[in-house]
PDB file of all heavy atoms in Angstrom:
ATOM      1  N   ARG A   1      87.613  44.450  81.449  1.00  0.00           N
ATOM      2  CA  ARG A   1      87.515  43.969  80.098  1.00  0.00           C
ATOM      3  C   ARG A   1      87.296  45.099  79.060  1.00  0.00           C
ATOM      4  O   ARG A   1      87.717  45.137  77.982  1.00  0.00           O
ATOM      5  CB  ARG A   1      86.482  42.879  79.990  1.00  0.00           C
ATOM      6  CG  ARG A   1      86.948  41.538  80.646  1.00  0.00           C
ATOM      7  CD  ARG A   1      86.086  40.416  80.136  1.00  0.00           C
ATOM      8  NE  ARG A   1      84.689  40.623  80.610  1.00  0.00           N
ATOM      9  CZ  ARG A   1      84.235  40.108  81.729  1.00  0.00           C
ATOM     10  NH1 ARG A   1      84.978  39.432  82.491  1.00  0.00           N
ATOM     11  NH2 ARG A   1      82.941  40.288  82.053  1.00  0.00           N
ATOM     12  N   ASP A   2      86.461  46.104  79.468  1.00  0.00           N
ATOM     13  CA  ASP A   2      86.096  47.185  78.553  1.00  0.00           C
ATOM     14  C   ASP A   2      87.329  48.003  78.180  1.00  0.00           C
ATOM     15  O   ASP A   2      87.423  48.582  77.102  1.00  0.00           O
ATOM     16  CB  ASP A   2      85.040  48.102  79.185  1.00  0.00           C
ATOM     17  CG  ASP A   2      83.708  47.374  79.275  1.00  0.00           C
ATOM     18  OD1 ASP A   2      83.559  46.380  78.569  1.00  0.00           O
ATOM     19  OD2 ASP A   2      82.846  47.837  80.038  1.00  0.00           O
ATOM     20  N   THR A   3      88.304  48.125  79.061  1.00  0.00           N
ATOM     21  CA  THR A   3      89.432  48.940  78.782  1.00  0.00           C
ATOM     22  C   THR A   3      90.373  48.304  77.768  1.00  0.00           C
ATOM     23  O   THR A   3      91.222  48.947  77.184  1.00  0.00           O
ATOM     24  CB  THR A   3      90.239  49.158  80.097  1.00  0.00           C
ATOM     25  OG1 THR A   3      90.649  47.859  80.613  1.00  0.00           O
ATOM     26  CG2 THR A   3      89.417  49.916  81.116  1.00  0.00           C
ATOM     27  N   ASN A   4      90.130  47.011  77.527  1.00  0.00           N
ATOM     28  CA  ASN A   4      90.913  46.327  76.511  1.00  0.00           C
ATOM     29  C   ASN A   4      90.248  46.197  75.151  1.00  0.00           C
ATOM     30  O   ASN A   4      90.509  45.314  74.327  1.00  0.00           O
ATOM     31  CB  ASN A   4      91.260  44.894  77.027  1.00  0.00           C
ATOM     32  CG  ASN A   4      92.126  44.907  78.280  1.00  0.00           C
ATOM     33  OD1 ASN A   4      92.959  45.790  78.357  1.00  0.00           O
ATOM     34  ND2 ASN A   4      91.853  43.979  79.182  1.00  0.00           N
ATOM     35  N   ALA A   5      89.205  46.962  74.840  1.00  0.00           N
ATOM     36  CA  ALA A   5      88.530  47.014  73.516  1.00  0.00           C
ATOM     37  C   ALA A   5      89.438  47.350  72.419  1.00  0.00           C
ATOM     38  O   ALA A   5      90.471  48.040  72.637  1.00  0.00           O
ATOM     39  CB  ALA A   5      87.321  48.002  73.602  1.00  0.00           C
ATOM     40  N   PRO A   6      89.186  46.934  71.185  1.00  0.00           N
ATOM     41  CA  PRO A   6      90.031  47.225  70.003  1.00  0.00           C
ATOM     42  C   PRO A   6      90.287  48.680  69.845  1.00  0.00           C
ATOM     43  O   PRO A   6      89.414  49.557  70.064  1.00  0.00           O
ATOM     44  CB  PRO A   6      89.267  46.621  68.858  1.00  0.00           C
ATOM     45  CG  PRO A   6      88.323  45.608  69.496  1.00  0.00           C
ATOM     46  CD  PRO A   6      87.987  46.140  70.807  1.00  0.00           C
ATOM     47  N   GLU A   7      91.524  49.023  69.365  1.00  0.00           N
ATOM     48  CA  GLU A   7      91.839  50.391  69.173  1.00  0.00           C
ATOM     49  C   GLU A   7      91.069  50.930  67.914  1.00  0.00           C
ATOM     50  O   GLU A   7      90.730  50.198  67.017  1.00  0.00           O
ATOM     51  CB  GLU A   7      93.337  50.501  68.890  1.00  0.00           C
ATOM     52  CG  GLU A   7      94.196  50.084  70.101  1.00  0.00           C
ATOM     53  CD  GLU A   7      95.663  50.313  69.834  1.00  0.00           C
ATOM     54  OE1 GLU A   7      95.978  50.720  68.713  1.00  0.00           O
ATOM     55  OE2 GLU A   7      96.467  50.027  70.736  1.00  0.00           O
ATOM     56  N   GLY A   8      90.840  52.145  67.930  1.00  0.00           N
ATOM     57  CA  GLY A   8      90.213  52.813  66.793  1.00  0.00           C
ATOM     58  C   GLY A   8      88.789  53.082  67.028  1.00  0.00           C
ATOM     59  O   GLY A   8      88.186  53.859  66.275  1.00  0.00           O
ATOM     60  N   GLU A   9      88.209  52.392  67.982  1.00  0.00           N
ATOM     61  CA  GLU A   9      86.781  52.592  68.232  1.00  0.00           C
ATOM     62  C   GLU A   9      86.699  53.896  69.043  1.00  0.00           C
ATOM     63  O   GLU A   9      87.525  54.237  69.867  1.00  0.00           O
ATOM     64  CB  GLU A   9      86.208  51.455  69.019  1.00  0.00           C
ATOM     65  CG  GLU A   9      86.099  50.155  68.192  1.00  0.00           C
ATOM     66  CD  GLU A   9      85.369  49.077  68.945  1.00  0.00           C
ATOM     67  OE1 GLU A   9      84.877  49.398  70.016  1.00  0.00           O
ATOM     68  OE2 GLU A   9      85.392  47.967  68.436  1.00  0.00           O
ATOM     69  N   ASN A  10      85.592  54.629  68.772  1.00  0.00           N
ATOM     70  CA  ASN A  10      85.380  55.837  69.514  1.00  0.00           C
ATOM     71  C   ASN A  10      84.954  55.483  70.914  1.00  0.00           C
ATOM     72  O   ASN A  10      83.915  54.843  71.116  1.00  0.00           O
ATOM     73  CB  ASN A  10      84.287  56.652  68.834  1.00  0.00           C
ATOM     74  CG  ASN A  10      84.776  57.181  67.491  1.00  0.00           C
ATOM     75  OD1 ASN A  10      85.946  57.463  67.275  1.00  0.00           O
ATOM     76  ND2 ASN A  10      83.823  57.303  66.573  1.00  0.00           N
ATOM     77  N   GLN A  11      85.775  55.848  71.816  1.00  0.00           N
ATOM     78  CA  GLN A  11      85.514  55.567  73.195  1.00  0.00           C
ATOM     79  C   GLN A  11      85.640  56.836  74.018  1.00  0.00           C
ATOM     80  O   GLN A  11      86.486  57.660  73.816  1.00  0.00           O
ATOM     81  CB  GLN A  11      86.443  54.510  73.761  1.00  0.00           C
ATOM     82  CG  GLN A  11      86.370  53.129  73.117  1.00  0.00           C
ATOM     83  CD  GLN A  11      87.323  52.169  73.772  1.00  0.00           C
ATOM     84  OE1 GLN A  11      88.220  52.579  74.515  1.00  0.00           O
ATOM     85  NE2 GLN A  11      87.164  50.931  73.433  1.00  0.00           N
ATOM     86  N   LYS A  12      84.757  56.915  74.970  1.00  0.00           N
ATOM     87  CA  LYS A  12      84.782  58.033  75.878  1.00  0.00           C
ATOM     88  C   LYS A  12      85.906  57.770  76.899  1.00  0.00           C
ATOM     89  O   LYS A  12      86.147  56.608  77.320  1.00  0.00           O
ATOM     90  CB  LYS A  12      83.475  58.261  76.613  1.00  0.00           C
ATOM     91  CG  LYS A  12      82.369  58.710  75.692  1.00  0.00           C
ATOM     92  CD  LYS A  12      81.111  58.927  76.476  1.00  0.00           C
ATOM     93  CE  LYS A  12      80.014  59.355  75.577  1.00  0.00           C
ATOM     94  NZ  LYS A  12      78.718  59.639  76.381  1.00  0.00           N
ATOM     95  N   PRO A  13      86.611  58.762  77.240  1.00  0.00           N
ATOM     96  CA  PRO A  13      87.669  58.607  78.244  1.00  0.00           C
ATOM     97  C   PRO A  13      87.028  58.010  79.544  1.00  0.00           C
ATOM     98  O   PRO A  13      86.002  58.450  80.023  1.00  0.00           O
ATOM     99  CB  PRO A  13      88.193  60.013  78.523  1.00  0.00           C
ATOM    100  CG  PRO A  13      87.776  60.783  77.323  1.00  0.00           C
ATOM    101  CD  PRO A  13      86.490  60.200  76.815  1.00  0.00           C
ATOM    102  N   THR A  14      87.656  57.064  80.056  1.00  0.00           N
ATOM    103  CA  THR A  14      87.188  56.462  81.310  1.00  0.00           C
ATOM    104  C   THR A  14      88.247  56.662  82.404  1.00  0.00           C
ATOM    105  O   THR A  14      89.457  56.773  82.150  1.00  0.00           O
ATOM    106  CB  THR A  14      87.012  54.965  81.090  1.00  0.00           C
ATOM    107  OG1 THR A  14      88.160  54.366  80.673  1.00  0.00           O
ATOM    108  CG2 THR A  14      85.895  54.731  80.069  1.00  0.00           C
ATOM    109  N   GLU A  15      87.725  56.664  83.586  1.00  0.00           N
ATOM    110  CA  GLU A  15      88.642  56.812  84.709  1.00  0.00           C
ATOM    111  C   GLU A  15      89.362  55.477  84.898  1.00  0.00           C
ATOM    112  O   GLU A  15      88.825  54.414  84.677  1.00  0.00           O
ATOM    113  CB  GLU A  15      87.814  57.132  85.975  1.00  0.00           C
ATOM    114  CG  GLU A  15      87.170  58.491  85.873  1.00  0.00           C
ATOM    115  CD  GLU A  15      86.407  58.808  87.169  1.00  0.00           C
ATOM    116  OE1 GLU A  15      86.395  57.875  88.045  1.00  0.00           O
ATOM    117  OE2 GLU A  15      85.812  59.852  87.238  1.00  0.00           O
ATOM    118  N   PRO A  16      90.668  55.481  85.353  1.00  0.00           N
ATOM    119  CA  PRO A  16      91.330  54.256  85.573  1.00  0.00           C
ATOM    120  C   PRO A  16      90.631  53.390  86.598  1.00  0.00           C
ATOM    121  O   PRO A  16      90.089  53.948  87.590  1.00  0.00           O
ATOM    122  CB  PRO A  16      92.712  54.766  86.068  1.00  0.00           C
ATOM    123  CG  PRO A  16      92.592  56.221  86.462  1.00  0.00           C
ATOM    124  CD  PRO A  16      91.378  56.753  85.679  1.00  0.00           C
ATOM    125  N   VAL A  17      90.578  52.191  86.278  1.00  0.00           N
ATOM    126  CA  VAL A  17      89.806  51.182  87.213  1.00  0.00           C
ATOM    127  C   VAL A  17      90.870  50.278  87.830  1.00  0.00           C
ATOM    128  O   VAL A  17      91.747  49.693  87.149  1.00  0.00           O
ATOM    129  CB  VAL A  17      88.817  50.357  86.354  1.00  0.00           C
ATOM    130  CG1 VAL A  17      88.138  49.331  87.289  1.00  0.00           C
ATOM    131  CG2 VAL A  17      87.782  51.269  85.737  1.00  0.00           C
ATOM    132  N   SER A  18      90.817  50.216  89.138  1.00  0.00           N
ATOM    133  CA  SER A  18      91.665  49.336  89.864  1.00  0.00           C
ATOM    134  C   SER A  18      91.031  47.923  89.986  1.00  0.00           C
ATOM    135  O   SER A  18      89.999  47.790  90.632  1.00  0.00           O
ATOM    136  CB  SER A  18      91.972  49.844  91.236  1.00  0.00           C
ATOM    137  OG  SER A  18      90.814  50.053  91.949  1.00  0.00           O
ATOM    138  N   LEU A  19      91.592  46.984  89.326  1.00  0.00           N
ATOM    139  CA  LEU A  19      91.037  45.633  89.326  1.00  0.00           C
ATOM    140  C   LEU A  19      91.390  44.920  90.723  1.00  0.00           C
ATOM    141  O   LEU A  19      92.411  45.199  91.307  1.00  0.00           O
ATOM    142  CB  LEU A  19      91.661  44.765  88.199  1.00  0.00           C
ATOM    143  CG  LEU A  19      91.248  45.195  86.801  1.00  0.00           C
ATOM    144  CD1 LEU A  19      92.008  44.314  85.797  1.00  0.00           C
ATOM    145  CD2 LEU A  19      89.799  45.108  86.628  1.00  0.00           C
ATOM    146  N   PRO A  20      90.492  44.058  91.161  1.00  0.00           N
ATOM    147  CA  PRO A  20      90.737  43.417  92.442  1.00  0.00           C
ATOM    148  C   PRO A  20      91.941  42.496  92.275  1.00  0.00           C
ATOM    149  O   PRO A  20      92.155  41.803  91.247  1.00  0.00           O
ATOM    150  CB  PRO A  20      89.485  42.583  92.675  1.00  0.00           C
ATOM    151  CG  PRO A  20      88.812  42.450  91.382  1.00  0.00           C
ATOM    152  CD  PRO A  20      89.160  43.658  90.571  1.00  0.00           C
ATOM    153  N   THR A  21      92.786  42.511  93.277  1.00  0.00           N
ATOM    154  CA  THR A  21      93.945  41.589  93.219  1.00  0.00           C
ATOM    155  C   THR A  21      93.532  40.130  93.502  1.00  0.00           C
ATOM    156  O   THR A  21      92.463  39.924  93.974  1.00  0.00           O
ATOM    157  CB  THR A  21      94.974  42.034  94.337  1.00  0.00           C
ATOM    158  OG1 THR A  21      94.333  41.836  95.602  1.00  0.00           O
ATOM    159  CG2 THR A  21      95.405  43.505  94.147  1.00  0.00           C
ATOM    160  N   GLN A  22      94.440  39.261  93.259  1.00  0.00           N
ATOM    161  CA  GLN A  22      94.186  37.850  93.480  1.00  0.00           C
ATOM    162  C   GLN A  22      93.925  37.579  94.938  1.00  0.00           C
ATOM    163  O   GLN A  22      93.063  36.765  95.328  1.00  0.00           O
ATOM    164  CB  GLN A  22      95.329  37.023  93.040  1.00  0.00           C
ATOM    165  CG  GLN A  22      95.148  35.514  93.104  1.00  0.00           C
ATOM    166  CD  GLN A  22      96.308  34.698  92.544  1.00  0.00           C
ATOM    167  OE1 GLN A  22      97.305  35.258  92.218  1.00  0.00           O
ATOM    168  NE2 GLN A  22      96.117  33.411  92.457  1.00  0.00           N
ATOM    169  N   LYS A  23      94.598  38.326  95.812  1.00  0.00           N
ATOM    170  CA  LYS A  23      94.450  38.166  97.232  1.00  0.00           C
ATOM    171  C   LYS A  23      93.011  38.597  97.657  1.00  0.00           C
ATOM    172  O   LYS A  23      92.351  37.923  98.508  1.00  0.00           O
ATOM    173  CB  LYS A  23      95.500  39.027  97.969  1.00  0.00           C
ATOM    174  CG  LYS A  23      95.452  38.862  99.490  1.00  0.00           C
ATOM    175  CD  LYS A  23      96.530  39.695 100.137  1.00  0.00           C
ATOM    176  CE  LYS A  23      96.463  39.561 101.638  1.00  0.00           C
ATOM    177  NZ  LYS A  23      97.558  40.312 102.329  1.00  0.00           N
ATOM    178  N   GLN A  24      92.512  39.720  97.065  1.00  0.00           N
ATOM    179  CA  GLN A  24      91.144  40.201  97.376  1.00  0.00           C
ATOM    180  C   GLN A  24      90.150  39.198  96.911  1.00  0.00           C
ATOM    181  O   GLN A  24      89.109  38.889  97.604  1.00  0.00           O
ATOM    182  CB  GLN A  24      90.870  41.527  96.709  1.00  0.00           C
ATOM    183  CG  GLN A  24      91.746  42.650  97.386  1.00  0.00           C
ATOM    184  CD  GLN A  24      91.580  43.925  96.652  1.00  0.00           C
ATOM    185  OE1 GLN A  24      91.403  43.945  95.399  1.00  0.00           O
ATOM    186  NE2 GLN A  24      91.636  45.028  97.380  1.00  0.00           N
ATOM    187  N   VAL A  25      90.334  38.535  95.739  1.00  0.00           N
ATOM    188  CA  VAL A  25      89.435  37.566  95.225  1.00  0.00           C
ATOM    189  C   VAL A  25      89.302  36.387  96.145  1.00  0.00           C
ATOM    190  O   VAL A  25      88.241  35.866  96.463  1.00  0.00           O
ATOM    191  CB  VAL A  25      89.821  37.172  93.786  1.00  0.00           C
ATOM    192  CG1 VAL A  25      88.941  35.963  93.320  1.00  0.00           C
ATOM    193  CG2 VAL A  25      89.696  38.330  92.838  1.00  0.00           C
ATOM    194  N   LYS A  26      90.459  35.918  96.542  1.00  0.00           N
ATOM    195  CA  LYS A  26      90.533  34.762  97.498  1.00  0.00           C
ATOM    196  C   LYS A  26      89.823  35.117  98.741  1.00  0.00           C
ATOM    197  O   LYS A  26      89.102  34.255  99.368  1.00  0.00           O
ATOM    198  CB  LYS A  26      91.971  34.341  97.753  1.00  0.00           C
ATOM    199  CG  LYS A  26      92.657  33.661  96.602  1.00  0.00           C
ATOM    200  CD  LYS A  26      94.070  33.220  96.977  1.00  0.00           C
ATOM    201  CE  LYS A  26      94.714  32.549  95.793  1.00  0.00           C
ATOM    202  NZ  LYS A  26      96.096  32.052  96.158  1.00  0.00           N
ATOM    203  N   LYS A  27      90.014  36.322  99.249  1.00  0.00           N
ATOM    204  CA  LYS A  27      89.395  36.701 100.495  1.00  0.00           C
ATOM    205  C   LYS A  27      87.844  36.722 100.366  1.00  0.00           C
ATOM    206  O   LYS A  27      87.137  36.265 101.239  1.00  0.00           O
ATOM    207  CB  LYS A  27      89.861  38.106 100.894  1.00  0.00           C
ATOM    208  CG  LYS A  27      89.279  38.595 102.210  1.00  0.00           C
ATOM    209  CD  LYS A  27      89.843  39.961 102.601  1.00  0.00           C
ATOM    210  CE  LYS A  27      89.224  40.483 103.904  1.00  0.00           C
ATOM    211  NZ  LYS A  27      89.747  41.823 104.244  1.00  0.00           N
ATOM    212  N   THR A  28      87.389  37.236  99.245  1.00  0.00           N
ATOM    213  CA  THR A  28      85.933  37.240  99.003  1.00  0.00           C
ATOM    214  C   THR A  28      85.402  35.799  98.959  1.00  0.00           C
ATOM    215  O   THR A  28      84.299  35.484  99.504  1.00  0.00           O
ATOM    216  CB  THR A  28      85.600  37.962  97.693  1.00  0.00           C
ATOM    217  OG1 THR A  28      86.092  39.285  97.774  1.00  0.00           O
ATOM    218  CG2 THR A  28      84.091  37.993  97.456  1.00  0.00           C
ATOM    219  N   VAL A  29      86.087  34.848  98.208  1.00  0.00           N
ATOM    220  CA  VAL A  29      85.622  33.511  98.108  1.00  0.00           C
ATOM    221  C   VAL A  29      85.626  32.813  99.543  1.00  0.00           C
ATOM    222  O   VAL A  29      84.709  32.106  99.839  1.00  0.00           O
ATOM    223  CB  VAL A  29      86.536  32.719  97.154  1.00  0.00           C
ATOM    224  CG1 VAL A  29      86.252  31.241  97.191  1.00  0.00           C
ATOM    225  CG2 VAL A  29      86.376  33.235  95.744  1.00  0.00           C
ATOM    226  N   LYS A  30      86.682  33.188 100.261  1.00  0.00           N
ATOM    227  CA  LYS A  30      86.705  32.595 101.616  1.00  0.00           C
ATOM    228  C   LYS A  30      85.553  33.054 102.452  1.00  0.00           C
ATOM    229  O   LYS A  30      84.993  32.310 103.230  1.00  0.00           O
ATOM    230  CB  LYS A  30      88.038  32.995 102.250  1.00  0.00           C
ATOM    231  CG  LYS A  30      88.291  32.346 103.643  1.00  0.00           C
ATOM    232  CD  LYS A  30      89.667  32.738 104.178  1.00  0.00           C
ATOM    233  CE  LYS A  30      89.873  32.033 105.454  1.00  0.00           C
ATOM    234  NZ  LYS A  30      91.226  32.424 106.068  1.00  0.00           N
ATOM    235  N   GLN A  31      85.222  34.338 102.325  1.00  0.00           N
ATOM    236  CA  GLN A  31      84.045  34.855 103.144  1.00  0.00           C
ATOM    237  C   GLN A  31      82.779  34.170 102.693  1.00  0.00           C
ATOM    238  O   GLN A  31      81.895  33.845 103.495  1.00  0.00           O
ATOM    239  CB  GLN A  31      83.898  36.369 102.843  1.00  0.00           C
ATOM    240  CG  GLN A  31      85.016  37.189 103.544  1.00  0.00           C
ATOM    241  CD  GLN A  31      84.873  38.676 103.231  1.00  0.00           C
ATOM    242  OE1 GLN A  31      84.302  39.039 102.227  1.00  0.00           O
ATOM    243  NE2 GLN A  31      85.479  39.468 104.088  1.00  0.00           N
ATOM    244  N   LEU A  32      82.619  33.921 101.359  1.00  0.00           N
ATOM    245  CA  LEU A  32      81.460  33.263 100.859  1.00  0.00           C
ATOM    246  C   LEU A  32      81.395  31.811 101.430  1.00  0.00           C
ATOM    247  O   LEU A  32      80.323  31.308 101.782  1.00  0.00           O
ATOM    248  CB  LEU A  32      81.444  33.231  99.316  1.00  0.00           C
ATOM    249  CG  LEU A  32      81.277  34.610  98.678  1.00  0.00           C
ATOM    250  CD1 LEU A  32      81.465  34.456  97.147  1.00  0.00           C
ATOM    251  CD2 LEU A  32      79.994  35.246  99.052  1.00  0.00           C
ATOM    252  N   ASP A  33      82.537  31.140 101.398  1.00  0.00           N
ATOM    253  CA  ASP A  33      82.592  29.794 101.968  1.00  0.00           C
ATOM    254  C   ASP A  33      82.178  29.822 103.432  1.00  0.00           C
ATOM    255  O   ASP A  33      81.478  28.948 103.955  1.00  0.00           O
ATOM    256  CB  ASP A  33      83.990  29.183 101.810  1.00  0.00           C
ATOM    257  CG  ASP A  33      84.269  28.857 100.398  1.00  0.00           C
ATOM    258  OD1 ASP A  33      83.256  28.710  99.586  1.00  0.00           O
ATOM    259  OD2 ASP A  33      85.472  28.695 100.006  1.00  0.00           O
ATOM    260  N   SER A  34      82.663  30.754 104.166  1.00  0.00           N
ATOM    261  CA  SER A  34      82.388  30.936 105.583  1.00  0.00           C
ATOM    262  C   SER A  34      80.889  31.134 105.798  1.00  0.00           C
ATOM    263  O   SER A  34      80.254  30.580 106.684  1.00  0.00           O
ATOM    264  CB  SER A  34      83.179  32.070 106.177  1.00  0.00           C
ATOM    265  OG  SER A  34      82.807  32.268 107.529  1.00  0.00           O
TER     266      SER A  34
END
């Protein structure tokens, strides 16, 4: 969400962040259910 902040604001360069895929989210939820 931070990478989508409004343009023009002074932001420090950030490293690209790989968001969890939908498959990974489902896997985590499944583990929690288990």
